[in-house]
Amino acid sequence: MAQHKSAAKRARQSTRKNLVNTARKSNVRTGEKTLLKAIKDKDIKTAKSLLTDYMSKMMKAAQKGAFSKQTASRKIARLSAQVQKFVSSK
């Protein structure tokens, strides 16, 4: 248990921030899974719309500190390449 008021406040803030970051990460990962499923099912229209949603969620999470910006851009680039490969083959 925290001995000082400032340490107790920092512990409360840390707990709250952890919950928010966990929710953000979960939301992003769910979006990634649905996008990968759309790519696997070869659903072009859905994959394109899910990619834009995923990019938005991921960059927002990176901006807020849930993911590093390098991780976000790497994942976005890889998924974009998969979607583009799929679209160009049709």
PDB file of N, CA and C in Angstrom:
ATOM      1  N   MET A   1       0.836  -1.184   0.000  1.00  0.00           N
ATOM      2  CA  MET A   1       0.000   0.000   0.000  1.00  0.00           C
ATOM      3  C   MET A   1       0.880   1.246   0.000  1.00  0.00           C
ATOM      4  N   ALA A   2       0.398   2.265  -0.692  1.00  0.00           N
ATOM      5  CA  ALA A   2       1.155   3.510  -0.795  1.00  0.00           C
ATOM      6  C   ALA A   2       1.180   4.239   0.552  1.00  0.00           C
ATOM      7  N   GLN A   3       2.332   4.814   0.878  1.00  0.00           N
ATOM      8  CA  GLN A   3       2.509   5.504   2.152  1.00  0.00           C
ATOM      9  C   GLN A   3       2.187   6.998   2.055  1.00  0.00           C
ATOM     10  N   HIS A   4       2.297   7.571   0.843  1.00  0.00           N
ATOM     11  CA  HIS A   4       2.075   9.003   0.663  1.00  0.00           C
ATOM     12  C   HIS A   4       0.856   9.237  -0.215  1.00  0.00           C
ATOM     13  N   LYS A   5       0.271  10.416  -0.072  1.00  0.00           N
ATOM     14  CA  LYS A   5      -0.900  10.755  -0.883  1.00  0.00           C
ATOM     15  C   LYS A   5      -0.584  10.711  -2.371  1.00  0.00           C
ATOM     16  N   SER A   6       0.574  11.229  -2.735  1.00  0.00           N
ATOM     17  CA  SER A   6       0.939  11.280  -4.153  1.00  0.00           C
ATOM     18  C   SER A   6       1.153   9.872  -4.715  1.00  0.00           C
ATOM     19  N   ALA A   7       1.692   8.986  -3.901  1.00  0.00           N
ATOM     20  CA  ALA A   7       1.907   7.604  -4.345  1.00  0.00           C
ATOM     21  C   ALA A   7       0.568   6.885  -4.504  1.00  0.00           C
ATOM     22  N   ALA A   8      -0.369   7.168  -3.625  1.00  0.00           N
ATOM     23  CA  ALA A   8      -1.703   6.561  -3.724  1.00  0.00           C
ATOM     24  C   ALA A   8      -2.416   7.047  -4.984  1.00  0.00           C
ATOM     25  N   LYS A   9      -2.286   8.336  -5.263  1.00  0.00           N
ATOM     26  CA  LYS A   9      -2.903   8.895  -6.468  1.00  0.00           C
ATOM     27  C   LYS A   9      -2.282   8.276  -7.715  1.00  0.00           C
ATOM     28  N   ARG A  10      -0.965   8.135  -7.718  1.00  0.00           N
ATOM     29  CA  ARG A  10      -0.269   7.544  -8.862  1.00  0.00           C
ATOM     30  C   ARG A  10      -0.731   6.096  -9.062  1.00  0.00           C
ATOM     31  N   ALA A  11      -0.965   5.367  -7.989  1.00  0.00           N
ATOM     32  CA  ALA A  11      -1.439   3.981  -8.076  1.00  0.00           C
ATOM     33  C   ALA A  11      -2.840   3.937  -8.689  1.00  0.00           C
ATOM     34  N   ARG A  12      -3.705   4.877  -8.278  1.00  0.00           N
ATOM     35  CA  ARG A  12      -5.062   4.939  -8.860  1.00  0.00           C
ATOM     36  C   ARG A  12      -4.995   5.260 -10.344  1.00  0.00           C
ATOM     37  N   GLN A  13      -4.165   6.228 -10.712  1.00  0.00           N
ATOM     38  CA  GLN A  13      -4.029   6.611 -12.116  1.00  0.00           C
ATOM     39  C   GLN A  13      -3.486   5.455 -12.947  1.00  0.00           C
ATOM     40  N   SER A  14      -2.527   4.749 -12.397  1.00  0.00           N
ATOM     41  CA  SER A  14      -1.922   3.629 -13.098  1.00  0.00           C
ATOM     42  C   SER A  14      -2.945   2.521 -13.353  1.00  0.00           C
ATOM     43  N   THR A  15      -3.767   2.243 -12.368  1.00  0.00           N
ATOM     44  CA  THR A  15      -4.804   1.217 -12.513  1.00  0.00           C
ATOM     45  C   THR A  15      -5.805   1.607 -13.590  1.00  0.00           C
ATOM     46  N   ARG A  16      -6.226   2.860 -13.569  1.00  0.00           N
ATOM     47  CA  ARG A  16      -7.191   3.355 -14.564  1.00  0.00           C
ATOM     48  C   ARG A  16      -6.603   3.296 -15.970  1.00  0.00           C
ATOM     49  N   LYS A  17      -5.354   3.730 -16.096  1.00  0.00           N
ATOM     50  CA  LYS A  17      -4.683   3.752 -17.393  1.00  0.00           C
ATOM     51  C   LYS A  17      -4.519   2.334 -17.929  1.00  0.00           C
ATOM     52  N   ASN A  18      -4.216   1.389 -17.039  1.00  0.00           N
ATOM     53  CA  ASN A  18      -4.072  -0.006 -17.431  1.00  0.00           C
ATOM     54  C   ASN A  18      -5.377  -0.553 -17.999  1.00  0.00           C
ATOM     55  N   LEU A  19      -6.491  -0.223 -17.382  1.00  0.00           N
ATOM     56  CA  LEU A  19      -7.795  -0.680 -17.874  1.00  0.00           C
ATOM     57  C   LEU A  19      -8.106  -0.105 -19.254  1.00  0.00           C
ATOM     58  N   VAL A  20      -7.812   1.168 -19.419  1.00  0.00           N
ATOM     59  CA  VAL A  20      -8.083   1.826 -20.696  1.00  0.00           C
ATOM     60  C   VAL A  20      -7.210   1.239 -21.799  1.00  0.00           C
ATOM     61  N   ASN A  21      -5.912   1.061 -21.514  1.00  0.00           N
ATOM     62  CA  ASN A  21      -5.003   0.499 -22.512  1.00  0.00           C
ATOM     63  C   ASN A  21      -5.368  -0.937 -22.861  1.00  0.00           C
ATOM     64  N   THR A  22      -5.789  -1.708 -21.875  1.00  0.00           N
ATOM     65  CA  THR A  22      -6.197  -3.089 -22.115  1.00  0.00           C
ATOM     66  C   THR A  22      -7.411  -3.125 -23.037  1.00  0.00           C
ATOM     67  N   ALA A  23      -8.359  -2.246 -22.805  1.00  0.00           N
ATOM     68  CA  ALA A  23      -9.554  -2.182 -23.650  1.00  0.00           C
ATOM     69  C   ALA A  23      -9.186  -1.770 -25.075  1.00  0.00           C
ATOM     70  N   ARG A  24      -8.291  -0.790 -25.202  1.00  0.00           N
ATOM     71  CA  ARG A  24      -7.859  -0.350 -26.532  1.00  0.00           C
ATOM     72  C   ARG A  24      -7.167  -1.469 -27.290  1.00  0.00           C
ATOM     73  N   LYS A  25      -6.261  -2.153 -26.618  1.00  0.00           N
ATOM     74  CA  LYS A  25      -5.533  -3.248 -27.259  1.00  0.00           C
ATOM     75  C   LYS A  25      -6.494  -4.356 -27.682  1.00  0.00           C
ATOM     76  N   SER A  26      -7.439  -4.661 -26.841  1.00  0.00           N
ATOM     77  CA  SER A  26      -8.411  -5.698 -27.151  1.00  0.00           C
ATOM     78  C   SER A  26      -9.230  -5.321 -28.376  1.00  0.00           C
ATOM     79  N   ASN A  27      -9.641  -4.073 -28.440  1.00  0.00           N
ATOM     80  CA  ASN A  27     -10.424  -3.569 -29.568  1.00  0.00           C
ATOM     81  C   ASN A  27      -9.628  -3.664 -30.870  1.00  0.00           C
ATOM     82  N   VAL A  28      -8.365  -3.298 -30.809  1.00  0.00           N
ATOM     83  CA  VAL A  28      -7.500  -3.349 -31.991  1.00  0.00           C
ATOM     84  C   VAL A  28      -7.286  -4.796 -32.437  1.00  0.00           C
ATOM     85  N   ARG A  29      -7.025  -5.676 -31.483  1.00  0.00           N
ATOM     86  CA  ARG A  29      -6.785  -7.084 -31.819  1.00  0.00           C
ATOM     87  C   ARG A  29      -8.020  -7.742 -32.410  1.00  0.00           C
ATOM     88  N   THR A  30      -9.188  -7.386 -31.905  1.00  0.00           N
ATOM     89  CA  THR A  30     -10.431  -7.915 -32.472  1.00  0.00           C
ATOM     90  C   THR A  30     -10.586  -7.450 -33.911  1.00  0.00           C
ATOM     91  N   GLY A  31     -10.283  -6.179 -34.164  1.00  0.00           N
ATOM     92  CA  GLY A  31     -10.337  -5.646 -35.522  1.00  0.00           C
ATOM     93  C   GLY A  31      -9.373  -6.360 -36.451  1.00  0.00           C
ATOM     94  N   GLU A  32      -8.193  -6.681 -35.930  1.00  0.00           N
ATOM     95  CA  GLU A  32      -7.191  -7.388 -36.723  1.00  0.00           C
ATOM     96  C   GLU A  32      -7.678  -8.789 -37.084  1.00  0.00           C
ATOM     97  N   LYS A  33      -8.279  -9.469 -36.112  1.00  0.00           N
ATOM     98  CA  LYS A  33      -8.772 -10.826 -36.357  1.00  0.00           C
ATOM     99  C   LYS A  33      -9.893 -10.835 -37.390  1.00  0.00           C
ATOM    100  N   THR A  34     -10.808  -9.861 -37.311  1.00  0.00           N
ATOM    101  CA  THR A  34     -11.901  -9.816 -38.287  1.00  0.00           C
ATOM    102  C   THR A  34     -11.373  -9.487 -39.677  1.00  0.00           C
ATOM    103  N   LEU A  35     -10.361  -8.634 -39.746  1.00  0.00           N
ATOM    104  CA  LEU A  35      -9.750  -8.298 -41.032  1.00  0.00           C
ATOM    105  C   LEU A  35      -9.067  -9.521 -41.636  1.00  0.00           C
ATOM    106  N   LEU A  36      -8.319 -10.255 -40.829  1.00  0.00           N
ATOM    107  CA  LEU A  36      -7.656 -11.458 -41.320  1.00  0.00           C
ATOM    108  C   LEU A  36      -8.667 -12.507 -41.779  1.00  0.00           C
ATOM    109  N   LYS A  37      -9.788 -12.584 -41.093  1.00  0.00           N
ATOM    110  CA  LYS A  37     -10.839 -13.524 -41.494  1.00  0.00           C
ATOM    111  C   LYS A  37     -11.431 -13.115 -42.841  1.00  0.00           C
ATOM    112  N   ALA A  38     -11.643 -11.821 -43.048  1.00  0.00           N
ATOM    113  CA  ALA A  38     -12.169 -11.323 -44.320  1.00  0.00           C
ATOM    114  C   ALA A  38     -11.185 -11.601 -45.458  1.00  0.00           C
ATOM    115  N   ILE A  39      -9.893 -11.444 -45.194  1.00  0.00           N
ATOM    116  CA  ILE A  39      -8.865 -11.732 -46.202  1.00  0.00           C
ATOM    117  C   ILE A  39      -8.882 -13.226 -46.534  1.00  0.00           C
ATOM    118  N   LYS A  40      -8.978 -14.045 -45.491  1.00  0.00           N
ATOM    119  CA  LYS A  40      -8.995 -15.494 -45.689  1.00  0.00           C
ATOM    120  C   LYS A  40     -10.231 -15.935 -46.487  1.00  0.00           C
ATOM    121  N   ASP A  41     -11.376 -15.288 -46.204  1.00  0.00           N
ATOM    122  CA  ASP A  41     -12.625 -15.621 -46.898  1.00  0.00           C
ATOM    123  C   ASP A  41     -12.717 -14.981 -48.276  1.00  0.00           C
ATOM    124  N   LYS A  42     -11.719 -14.179 -48.641  1.00  0.00           N
ATOM    125  CA  LYS A  42     -11.630 -13.501 -49.942  1.00  0.00           C
ATOM    126  C   LYS A  42     -12.815 -12.574 -50.205  1.00  0.00           C
ATOM    127  N   ASP A  43     -13.130 -11.805 -49.192  1.00  0.00           N
ATOM    128  CA  ASP A  43     -14.211 -10.826 -49.288  1.00  0.00           C
ATOM    129  C   ASP A  43     -13.576  -9.442 -49.458  1.00  0.00           C
ATOM    130  N   ILE A  44     -13.438  -9.005 -50.720  1.00  0.00           N
ATOM    131  CA  ILE A  44     -12.695  -7.777 -51.035  1.00  0.00           C
ATOM    132  C   ILE A  44     -13.312  -6.539 -50.398  1.00  0.00           C
ATOM    133  N   LYS A  45     -14.592  -6.363 -50.609  1.00  0.00           N
ATOM    134  CA  LYS A  45     -15.265  -5.146 -50.137  1.00  0.00           C
ATOM    135  C   LYS A  45     -15.163  -5.015 -48.615  1.00  0.00           C
ATOM    136  N   THR A  46     -15.442  -6.099 -47.917  1.00  0.00           N
ATOM    137  CA  THR A  46     -15.362  -6.077 -46.461  1.00  0.00           C
ATOM    138  C   THR A  46     -13.926  -5.845 -45.997  1.00  0.00           C
ATOM    139  N   ALA A  47     -12.976  -6.495 -46.654  1.00  0.00           N
ATOM    140  CA  ALA A  47     -11.569  -6.353 -46.266  1.00  0.00           C
ATOM    141  C   ALA A  47     -11.108  -4.904 -46.389  1.00  0.00           C
ATOM    142  N   LYS A  48     -11.516  -4.239 -47.458  1.00  0.00           N
ATOM    143  CA  LYS A  48     -11.121  -2.833 -47.644  1.00  0.00           C
ATOM    144  C   LYS A  48     -11.676  -1.955 -46.533  1.00  0.00           C
ATOM    145  N   SER A  49     -12.956  -2.124 -46.214  1.00  0.00           N
ATOM    146  CA  SER A  49     -13.561  -1.292 -45.169  1.00  0.00           C
ATOM    147  C   SER A  49     -12.983  -1.629 -43.798  1.00  0.00           C
ATOM    148  N   LEU A  50     -12.738  -2.906 -43.544  1.00  0.00           N
ATOM    149  CA  LEU A  50     -12.154  -3.299 -42.266  1.00  0.00           C
ATOM    150  C   LEU A  50     -10.717  -2.792 -42.132  1.00  0.00           C
ATOM    151  N   LEU A  51     -10.006  -2.715 -43.240  1.00  0.00           N
ATOM    152  CA  LEU A  51      -8.634  -2.203 -43.197  1.00  0.00           C
ATOM    153  C   LEU A  51      -8.621  -0.738 -42.765  1.00  0.00           C
ATOM    154  N   THR A  52      -9.503   0.059 -43.316  1.00  0.00           N
ATOM    155  CA  THR A  52      -9.536   1.476 -42.920  1.00  0.00           C
ATOM    156  C   THR A  52      -9.929   1.618 -41.450  1.00  0.00           C
ATOM    157  N   ASP A  53     -10.883   0.802 -40.995  1.00  0.00           N
ATOM    158  CA  ASP A  53     -11.264   0.839 -39.580  1.00  0.00           C
ATOM    159  C   ASP A  53     -10.089   0.430 -38.694  1.00  0.00           C
ATOM    160  N   TYR A  54      -9.403  -0.631 -39.111  1.00  0.00           N
ATOM    161  CA  TYR A  54      -8.264  -1.131 -38.343  1.00  0.00           C
ATOM    162  C   TYR A  54      -7.157  -0.078 -38.266  1.00  0.00           C
ATOM    163  N   MET A  55      -6.870   0.552 -39.391  1.00  0.00           N
ATOM    164  CA  MET A  55      -5.827   1.579 -39.410  1.00  0.00           C
ATOM    165  C   MET A  55      -6.159   2.709 -38.443  1.00  0.00           C
ATOM    166  N   SER A  56      -7.403   3.112 -38.455  1.00  0.00           N
ATOM    167  CA  SER A  56      -7.835   4.195 -37.574  1.00  0.00           C
ATOM    168  C   SER A  56      -7.683   3.801 -36.108  1.00  0.00           C
ATOM    169  N   LYS A  57      -8.166   2.615 -35.759  1.00  0.00           N
ATOM    170  CA  LYS A  57      -8.082   2.152 -34.373  1.00  0.00           C
ATOM    171  C   LYS A  57      -6.627   1.986 -33.933  1.00  0.00           C
ATOM    172  N   MET A  58      -5.822   1.409 -34.790  1.00  0.00           N
ATOM    173  CA  MET A  58      -4.433   1.133 -34.439  1.00  0.00           C
ATOM    174  C   MET A  58      -3.642   2.420 -34.250  1.00  0.00           C
ATOM    175  N   MET A  59      -3.789   3.374 -35.158  1.00  0.00           N
ATOM    176  CA  MET A  59      -3.046   4.623 -35.024  1.00  0.00           C
ATOM    177  C   MET A  59      -3.514   5.417 -33.800  1.00  0.00           C
ATOM    178  N   LYS A  60      -4.798   5.353 -33.505  1.00  0.00           N
ATOM    179  CA  LYS A  60      -5.317   6.025 -32.310  1.00  0.00           C
ATOM    180  C   LYS A  60      -4.702   5.394 -31.056  1.00  0.00           C
ATOM    181  N   ALA A  61      -4.650   4.049 -31.034  1.00  0.00           N
ATOM    182  CA  ALA A  61      -4.063   3.358 -29.886  1.00  0.00           C
ATOM    183  C   ALA A  61      -2.575   3.681 -29.764  1.00  0.00           C
ATOM    184  N   ALA A  62      -1.878   3.771 -30.892  1.00  0.00           N
ATOM    185  CA  ALA A  62      -0.455   4.108 -30.872  1.00  0.00           C
ATOM    186  C   ALA A  62      -0.251   5.539 -30.392  1.00  0.00           C
ATOM    187  N   GLN A  63      -1.128   6.407 -30.822  1.00  0.00           N
ATOM    188  CA  GLN A  63      -1.045   7.807 -30.412  1.00  0.00           C
ATOM    189  C   GLN A  63      -1.232   7.948 -28.902  1.00  0.00           C
ATOM    190  N   LYS A  64      -2.097   7.110 -28.346  1.00  0.00           N
ATOM    191  CA  LYS A  64      -2.378   7.160 -26.914  1.00  0.00           C
ATOM    192  C   LYS A  64      -1.374   6.363 -26.075  1.00  0.00           C
ATOM    193  N   GLY A  65      -0.498   5.594 -26.745  1.00  0.00           N
ATOM    194  CA  GLY A  65       0.547   4.895 -26.022  1.00  0.00           C
ATOM    195  C   GLY A  65       0.278   3.431 -25.728  1.00  0.00           C
ATOM    196  N   ALA A  66      -0.819   2.876 -26.231  1.00  0.00           N
ATOM    197  CA  ALA A  66      -1.121   1.466 -25.988  1.00  0.00           C
ATOM    198  C   ALA A  66      -0.171   0.571 -26.791  1.00  0.00           C
ATOM    199  N   PHE A  67       0.193   1.004 -27.991  1.00  0.00           N
ATOM    200  CA  PHE A  67       1.165   0.315 -28.838  1.00  0.00           C
ATOM    201  C   PHE A  67       2.230   1.328 -29.215  1.00  0.00           C
ATOM    202  N   SER A  68       3.430   0.846 -29.542  1.00  0.00           N
ATOM    203  CA  SER A  68       4.434   1.782 -30.033  1.00  0.00           C
ATOM    204  C   SER A  68       4.091   2.135 -31.479  1.00  0.00           C
ATOM    205  N   LYS A  69       4.533   3.287 -31.912  1.00  0.00           N
ATOM    206  CA  LYS A  69       4.211   3.739 -33.271  1.00  0.00           C
ATOM    207  C   LYS A  69       4.843   2.845 -34.323  1.00  0.00           C
ATOM    208  N   GLN A  70       6.015   2.316 -34.037  1.00  0.00           N
ATOM    209  CA  GLN A  70       6.678   1.414 -34.983  1.00  0.00           C
ATOM    210  C   GLN A  70       5.883   0.124 -35.151  1.00  0.00           C
ATOM    211  N   THR A  71       5.380  -0.408 -34.056  1.00  0.00           N
ATOM    212  CA  THR A  71       4.568  -1.622 -34.108  1.00  0.00           C
ATOM    213  C   THR A  71       3.311  -1.369 -34.916  1.00  0.00           C
ATOM    214  N   ALA A  72       2.682  -0.231 -34.676  1.00  0.00           N
ATOM    215  CA  ALA A  72       1.453   0.110 -35.382  1.00  0.00           C
ATOM    216  C   ALA A  72       1.697   0.220 -36.880  1.00  0.00           C
ATOM    217  N   SER A  73       2.739   0.931 -37.278  1.00  0.00           N
ATOM    218  CA  SER A  73       2.985   1.114 -38.703  1.00  0.00           C
ATOM    219  C   SER A  73       3.405  -0.190 -39.363  1.00  0.00           C
ATOM    220  N   ARG A  74       4.141  -1.035 -38.648  1.00  0.00           N
ATOM    221  CA  ARG A  74       4.538  -2.332 -39.197  1.00  0.00           C
ATOM    222  C   ARG A  74       3.319  -3.219 -39.445  1.00  0.00           C
ATOM    223  N   LYS A  75       2.430  -3.296 -38.467  1.00  0.00           N
ATOM    224  CA  LYS A  75       1.240  -4.131 -38.613  1.00  0.00           C
ATOM    225  C   LYS A  75       0.329  -3.597 -39.715  1.00  0.00           C
ATOM    226  N   ILE A  76       0.165  -2.284 -39.772  1.00  0.00           N
ATOM    227  CA  ILE A  76      -0.669  -1.681 -40.811  1.00  0.00           C
ATOM    228  C   ILE A  76      -0.081  -1.963 -42.190  1.00  0.00           C
ATOM    229  N   ALA A  77       1.228  -1.834 -42.322  1.00  0.00           N
ATOM    230  CA  ALA A  77       1.878  -2.077 -43.618  1.00  0.00           C
ATOM    231  C   ALA A  77       1.699  -3.521 -44.064  1.00  0.00           C
ATOM    232  N   ARG A  78       1.860  -4.441 -43.146  1.00  0.00           N
ATOM    233  CA  ARG A  78       1.727  -5.863 -43.506  1.00  0.00           C
ATOM    234  C   ARG A  78       0.296  -6.214 -43.897  1.00  0.00           C
ATOM    235  N   LEU A  79      -0.656  -5.717 -43.147  1.00  0.00           N
ATOM    236  CA  LEU A  79      -2.051  -6.019 -43.470  1.00  0.00           C
ATOM    237  C   LEU A  79      -2.482  -5.315 -44.758  1.00  0.00           C
ATOM    238  N   SER A  80      -1.998  -4.099 -44.975  1.00  0.00           N
ATOM    239  CA  SER A  80      -2.300  -3.376 -46.215  1.00  0.00           C
ATOM    240  C   SER A  80      -1.752  -4.136 -47.409  1.00  0.00           C
ATOM    241  N   ALA A  81      -0.544  -4.673 -47.263  1.00  0.00           N
ATOM    242  CA  ALA A  81       0.060  -5.442 -48.354  1.00  0.00           C
ATOM    243  C   ALA A  81      -0.755  -6.686 -48.658  1.00  0.00           C
ATOM    244  N   GLN A  82      -1.257  -7.341 -47.624  1.00  0.00           N
ATOM    245  CA  GLN A  82      -2.089  -8.529 -47.834  1.00  0.00           C
ATOM    246  C   GLN A  82      -3.374  -8.179 -48.580  1.00  0.00           C
ATOM    247  N   VAL A  83      -3.998  -7.080 -48.187  1.00  0.00           N
ATOM    248  CA  VAL A  83      -5.234  -6.661 -48.843  1.00  0.00           C
ATOM    249  C   VAL A  83      -4.953  -6.256 -50.285  1.00  0.00           C
ATOM    250  N   GLN A  84      -3.879  -5.503 -50.526  1.00  0.00           N
ATOM    251  CA  GLN A  84      -3.550  -5.064 -51.877  1.00  0.00           C
ATOM    252  C   GLN A  84      -3.201  -6.254 -52.771  1.00  0.00           C
ATOM    253  N   LYS A  85      -2.487  -7.215 -52.245  1.00  0.00           N
ATOM    254  CA  LYS A  85      -2.144  -8.415 -52.994  1.00  0.00           C
ATOM    255  C   LYS A  85      -3.425  -9.155 -53.413  1.00  0.00           C
ATOM    256  N   PHE A  86      -4.339  -9.220 -52.495  1.00  0.00           N
ATOM    257  CA  PHE A  86      -5.608  -9.886 -52.716  1.00  0.00           C
ATOM    258  C   PHE A  86      -6.455  -9.134 -53.751  1.00  0.00           C
ATOM    259  N   VAL A  87      -6.480  -7.799 -53.649  1.00  0.00           N
ATOM    260  CA  VAL A  87      -7.269  -6.960 -54.564  1.00  0.00           C
ATOM    261  C   VAL A  87      -6.662  -6.992 -55.974  1.00  0.00           C
ATOM    262  N   SER A  88      -5.343  -6.913 -56.071  1.00  0.00           N
ATOM    263  CA  SER A  88      -4.698  -6.870 -57.377  1.00  0.00           C
ATOM    264  C   SER A  88      -4.789  -8.205 -58.118  1.00  0.00           C
ATOM    265  N   SER A  89      -4.944  -9.295 -57.367  1.00  0.00           N
ATOM    266  CA  SER A  89      -5.054 -10.609 -58.012  1.00  0.00           C
ATOM    267  C   SER A  89      -6.433 -10.829 -58.635  1.00  0.00           C
ATOM    268  N   LYS A  90      -7.404 -10.041 -58.231  1.00  0.00           N
ATOM    269  CA  LYS A  90      -8.769 -10.192 -58.767  1.00  0.00           C
ATOM    270  C   LYS A  90      -8.972  -9.405 -60.020  1.00  0.00           C
TER     271      LYS A  90
END
